[in-house]
Each structure stands twice: as C-alpha cells, then as structure tokens.
Amino acid sequence: MEIVEGSIVRSIAGRDKGDLFIVLAREGDYAYLANGELRKVDRPKKKKLKHLQGSTAVSDFIKNKLETVGKVTNSEVRKALSEFN
C-alpha cells in the first residue's frame, strides 16, 4: 500500500512507536507526520517510510485540503484521526 498525503499511518519504531499520524507531505524516503496533539502541523515529524506501517485509510478531507489550500489545522488532523479510531 502506498503512503500518500492524507494517509493514516502507525509508527513502528522510535519513541512514538504505536502512535497514529497523518502524512502531511512526502519527500523521497521520508514522510512529514502530525497528529495535532504532540506533533503539531507547524512542526511535523520527519520519519523514514520504513519506520511506518501504512493502512488502507486515507482521510479524503485532509488530502483535498492539502491539495487545494496547502495546509490544515491541528483540530482537523485530530478529528480525522478520531474518525479513524
């Protein structure tokens, strides 16, 4: 499964192991992640793709907003993650 902007992923390595994030951007072998609580949108976590477990879930709202506006808010990220759980 492909990890794209708006994908909901789980960290499988590091201090944040087991936490859910939304992919805000991709750059080569890295993804920029936020969860709206500990990792805010203005300071996303840069993490290697091999340390992420992708899911089939993609937040269409987040994906569309990133494509059109270019940014999302922390509350929108939290809402998308809560809908996934």
Protein backbone atom coordinates (compact mmCIF):
# COMPACT_ATOMS: atom_id res chain seq x y z
CA MET A 1 0.00 0.00 0.00
CA GLU A 2 1.22 3.41 -0.99
CA ILE A 3 1.76 6.12 1.59
CA VAL A 4 0.45 9.40 0.18
CA GLU A 5 -0.58 12.77 1.58
CA GLY A 6 -3.59 12.28 3.83
CA SER A 7 -2.74 8.64 4.66
CA ILE A 8 -3.22 7.47 8.22
CA VAL A 9 -0.12 5.60 9.36
CA ARG A 10 1.19 3.98 12.53
CA SER A 11 4.75 4.43 13.75
CA ILE A 12 6.56 1.08 14.20
CA ALA A 13 9.88 2.42 15.52
CA GLY A 14 11.12 5.12 17.85
CA ARG A 15 9.72 6.85 20.93
CA ASP A 16 6.39 7.31 19.20
CA LYS A 17 6.02 3.58 18.43
CA GLY A 18 2.36 2.63 18.12
CA ASP A 19 1.07 6.19 17.64
CA LEU A 20 -1.18 7.19 14.75
CA PHE A 21 -0.27 10.07 12.45
CA ILE A 22 -1.47 11.69 9.24
CA VAL A 23 1.00 12.20 6.41
CA LEU A 24 1.23 15.88 5.54
CA ALA A 25 3.92 15.55 2.86
CA ARG A 26 6.39 13.12 1.33
CA GLU A 27 9.95 13.82 0.29
CA GLY A 28 11.92 10.89 -1.11
CA ASP A 29 12.20 8.18 1.58
CA TYR A 30 10.74 10.46 4.26
CA ALA A 31 7.26 11.48 5.34
CA TYR A 32 6.24 14.50 7.40
CA LEU A 33 3.72 13.49 10.07
CA ALA A 34 1.40 15.23 12.51
CA ASN A 35 -1.22 14.11 14.99
CA GLY A 36 -2.44 17.52 16.14
CA GLU A 37 -1.53 16.91 19.79
CA LEU A 38 2.13 16.19 20.48
CA ARG A 39 3.18 16.70 16.86
CA LYS A 40 1.59 19.90 15.63
CA VAL A 41 1.06 20.80 11.99
CA ASP A 42 3.55 23.67 12.14
CA ARG A 43 6.34 21.32 13.34
CA PRO A 44 5.70 17.93 11.71
CA LYS A 45 7.79 14.85 12.48
CA LYS A 46 10.18 13.79 9.72
CA LYS A 47 10.26 9.99 9.66
CA LYS A 48 11.59 7.35 7.27
CA LEU A 49 8.96 5.40 5.39
CA LYS A 50 10.45 2.08 6.53
CA HIS A 51 9.54 3.05 10.11
CA LEU A 52 5.86 3.47 9.24
CA GLN A 53 3.07 0.96 8.85
CA GLY A 54 0.63 2.15 6.23
CA SER A 55 -3.07 1.47 6.25
CA THR A 56 -5.70 1.50 3.56
CA ALA A 57 -7.32 4.51 5.25
CA VAL A 58 -6.85 7.91 3.66
CA SER A 59 -8.57 11.00 5.01
CA ASP A 60 -10.18 12.46 1.90
CA PHE A 61 -10.87 15.76 3.67
CA ILE A 62 -7.20 16.20 4.67
CA LYS A 63 -5.95 15.08 1.26
CA ASN A 64 -8.23 17.50 -0.61
CA LYS A 65 -7.44 20.40 1.71
CA LEU A 66 -3.68 19.83 1.35
CA GLU A 67 -4.04 19.80 -2.44
CA THR A 68 -6.19 22.93 -2.63
CA VAL A 69 -5.24 25.16 0.33
CA GLY A 70 -1.84 23.66 1.12
CA LYS A 71 -2.27 23.45 4.88
CA VAL A 72 -4.55 22.02 7.55
CA THR A 73 -5.20 22.85 11.19
CA ASN A 74 -4.39 20.76 14.25
CA SER A 75 -8.08 20.33 15.06
CA GLU A 76 -8.78 18.96 11.57
CA VAL A 77 -5.97 16.43 11.98
CA ARG A 78 -7.27 15.37 15.41
CA LYS A 79 -10.80 15.00 14.03
CA ALA A 80 -9.62 12.85 11.12
CA LEU A 81 -7.65 10.57 13.46
CA SER A 82 -10.56 10.24 15.87
CA GLU A 83 -12.86 9.23 12.99
CA PHE A 84 -10.35 6.52 12.04
CA ASN A 85 -10.31 5.09 15.57
